[in-house]
């Protein structure tokens, strides 16, 4: 299962995404961290 959480800055996307991952026993992946790691600009 893949769930993408989007929204404007400051609305709690990370909080909701982390909690959903915990409740559904899924891996939480922060796409921004991956993009920074590989120096990807979008």
N, C-alpha and C. Protein backbone atom coordinates (compact mmCIF):
# COMPACT_ATOMS: atom_id res chain seq x y z
N UNK A 1 0.85 -1.17 0.00
CA UNK A 1 0.00 0.00 0.00
C UNK A 1 0.90 1.23 0.00
N UNK A 2 0.54 2.22 -0.80
CA UNK A 2 1.27 3.48 -0.84
C UNK A 2 0.28 4.60 -0.58
N UNK A 3 0.64 5.48 0.33
CA UNK A 3 -0.19 6.63 0.66
C UNK A 3 0.67 7.87 0.53
N UNK A 4 0.21 8.86 -0.20
CA UNK A 4 0.92 10.12 -0.36
C UNK A 4 0.14 11.20 0.37
N UNK A 5 0.81 11.88 1.29
CA UNK A 5 0.17 12.95 2.05
C UNK A 5 0.71 14.27 1.52
N UNK A 6 -0.18 15.14 1.04
CA UNK A 6 0.24 16.43 0.50
C UNK A 6 -0.50 17.55 1.20
N UNK A 7 0.00 18.75 1.05
CA UNK A 7 -0.65 19.91 1.63
C UNK A 7 0.30 21.09 1.69
N UNK A 8 -0.23 22.20 2.10
CA UNK A 8 0.58 23.42 2.21
C UNK A 8 1.48 23.35 3.44
N UNK A 9 2.52 24.18 3.49
CA UNK A 9 3.43 24.16 4.63
C UNK A 9 2.72 24.44 5.96
N UNK A 10 3.09 23.67 6.97
CA UNK A 10 2.59 23.91 8.31
C UNK A 10 1.27 23.28 8.68
N UNK A 11 0.71 22.43 7.83
CA UNK A 11 -0.60 21.85 8.13
C UNK A 11 -0.52 20.51 8.87
N UNK A 12 0.69 19.98 9.04
CA UNK A 12 0.84 18.73 9.79
C UNK A 12 1.00 17.48 8.95
N UNK A 13 1.48 17.64 7.73
CA UNK A 13 1.66 16.49 6.83
C UNK A 13 2.55 15.42 7.44
N UNK A 14 3.69 15.85 7.96
CA UNK A 14 4.64 14.89 8.54
C UNK A 14 4.04 14.19 9.74
N UNK A 15 3.38 14.93 10.59
CA UNK A 15 2.75 14.35 11.78
C UNK A 15 1.72 13.30 11.39
N UNK A 16 0.86 13.64 10.45
CA UNK A 16 -0.18 12.71 9.99
C UNK A 16 0.45 11.49 9.31
N UNK A 17 1.43 11.73 8.44
CA UNK A 17 2.06 10.64 7.70
C UNK A 17 2.76 9.66 8.64
N UNK A 18 3.48 10.19 9.62
CA UNK A 18 4.17 9.32 10.58
C UNK A 18 3.16 8.51 11.40
N UNK A 19 2.09 9.14 11.80
CA UNK A 19 1.07 8.44 12.60
C UNK A 19 0.37 7.37 11.77
N UNK A 20 0.04 7.69 10.53
CA UNK A 20 -0.58 6.70 9.64
C UNK A 20 0.34 5.50 9.44
N UNK A 21 1.61 5.77 9.20
CA UNK A 21 2.57 4.69 9.01
C UNK A 21 2.63 3.80 10.25
N UNK A 22 2.61 4.42 11.40
CA UNK A 22 2.65 3.66 12.66
C UNK A 22 1.39 2.81 12.82
N UNK A 23 0.24 3.41 12.62
CA UNK A 23 -1.02 2.69 12.80
C UNK A 23 -1.22 1.57 11.80
N UNK A 24 -0.78 1.80 10.56
CA UNK A 24 -0.98 0.81 9.50
C UNK A 24 0.22 -0.12 9.32
N UNK A 25 1.22 0.07 10.18
CA UNK A 25 2.44 -0.75 10.12
C UNK A 25 3.11 -0.66 8.74
N UNK A 26 3.25 0.58 8.27
CA UNK A 26 3.89 0.86 6.99
C UNK A 26 5.19 1.62 7.24
N UNK A 27 6.04 1.64 6.23
CA UNK A 27 7.28 2.40 6.32
C UNK A 27 6.99 3.86 6.00
N UNK A 28 7.52 4.77 6.81
CA UNK A 28 7.39 6.20 6.54
C UNK A 28 8.59 6.62 5.69
N UNK A 29 8.34 7.25 4.56
CA UNK A 29 9.40 7.73 3.69
C UNK A 29 9.19 9.22 3.45
N UNK A 30 10.23 10.01 3.74
CA UNK A 30 10.18 11.44 3.49
C UNK A 30 10.85 11.70 2.14
N UNK A 31 10.06 12.04 1.15
CA UNK A 31 10.57 12.24 -0.21
C UNK A 31 11.57 13.39 -0.26
N UNK A 32 11.37 14.42 0.54
CA UNK A 32 12.31 15.54 0.55
C UNK A 32 13.70 15.10 0.98
N UNK A 33 13.77 14.22 1.97
CA UNK A 33 15.07 13.72 2.43
C UNK A 33 15.77 12.92 1.34
N UNK A 34 15.01 12.14 0.60
CA UNK A 34 15.59 11.35 -0.50
C UNK A 34 16.09 12.29 -1.59
N UNK A 35 15.30 13.30 -1.93
CA UNK A 35 15.69 14.26 -2.96
C UNK A 35 16.97 14.99 -2.56
N UNK A 36 17.06 15.41 -1.30
CA UNK A 36 18.27 16.10 -0.82
C UNK A 36 19.48 15.17 -0.86
N UNK A 37 19.28 13.92 -0.50
CA UNK A 37 20.37 12.95 -0.48
C UNK A 37 20.99 12.79 -1.87
N UNK A 38 20.16 12.79 -2.89
CA UNK A 38 20.63 12.60 -4.25
C UNK A 38 20.71 13.92 -5.03
N UNK A 39 20.62 15.03 -4.33
CA UNK A 39 20.71 16.37 -4.92
C UNK A 39 19.75 16.56 -6.08
N UNK A 40 18.52 16.14 -5.89
CA UNK A 40 17.49 16.29 -6.92
C UNK A 40 16.71 17.56 -6.63
N UNK A 41 16.57 18.41 -7.64
CA UNK A 41 15.76 19.61 -7.49
C UNK A 41 14.46 19.42 -8.25
N UNK A 42 13.38 19.82 -7.64
CA UNK A 42 12.08 19.73 -8.30
C UNK A 42 11.24 20.92 -7.95
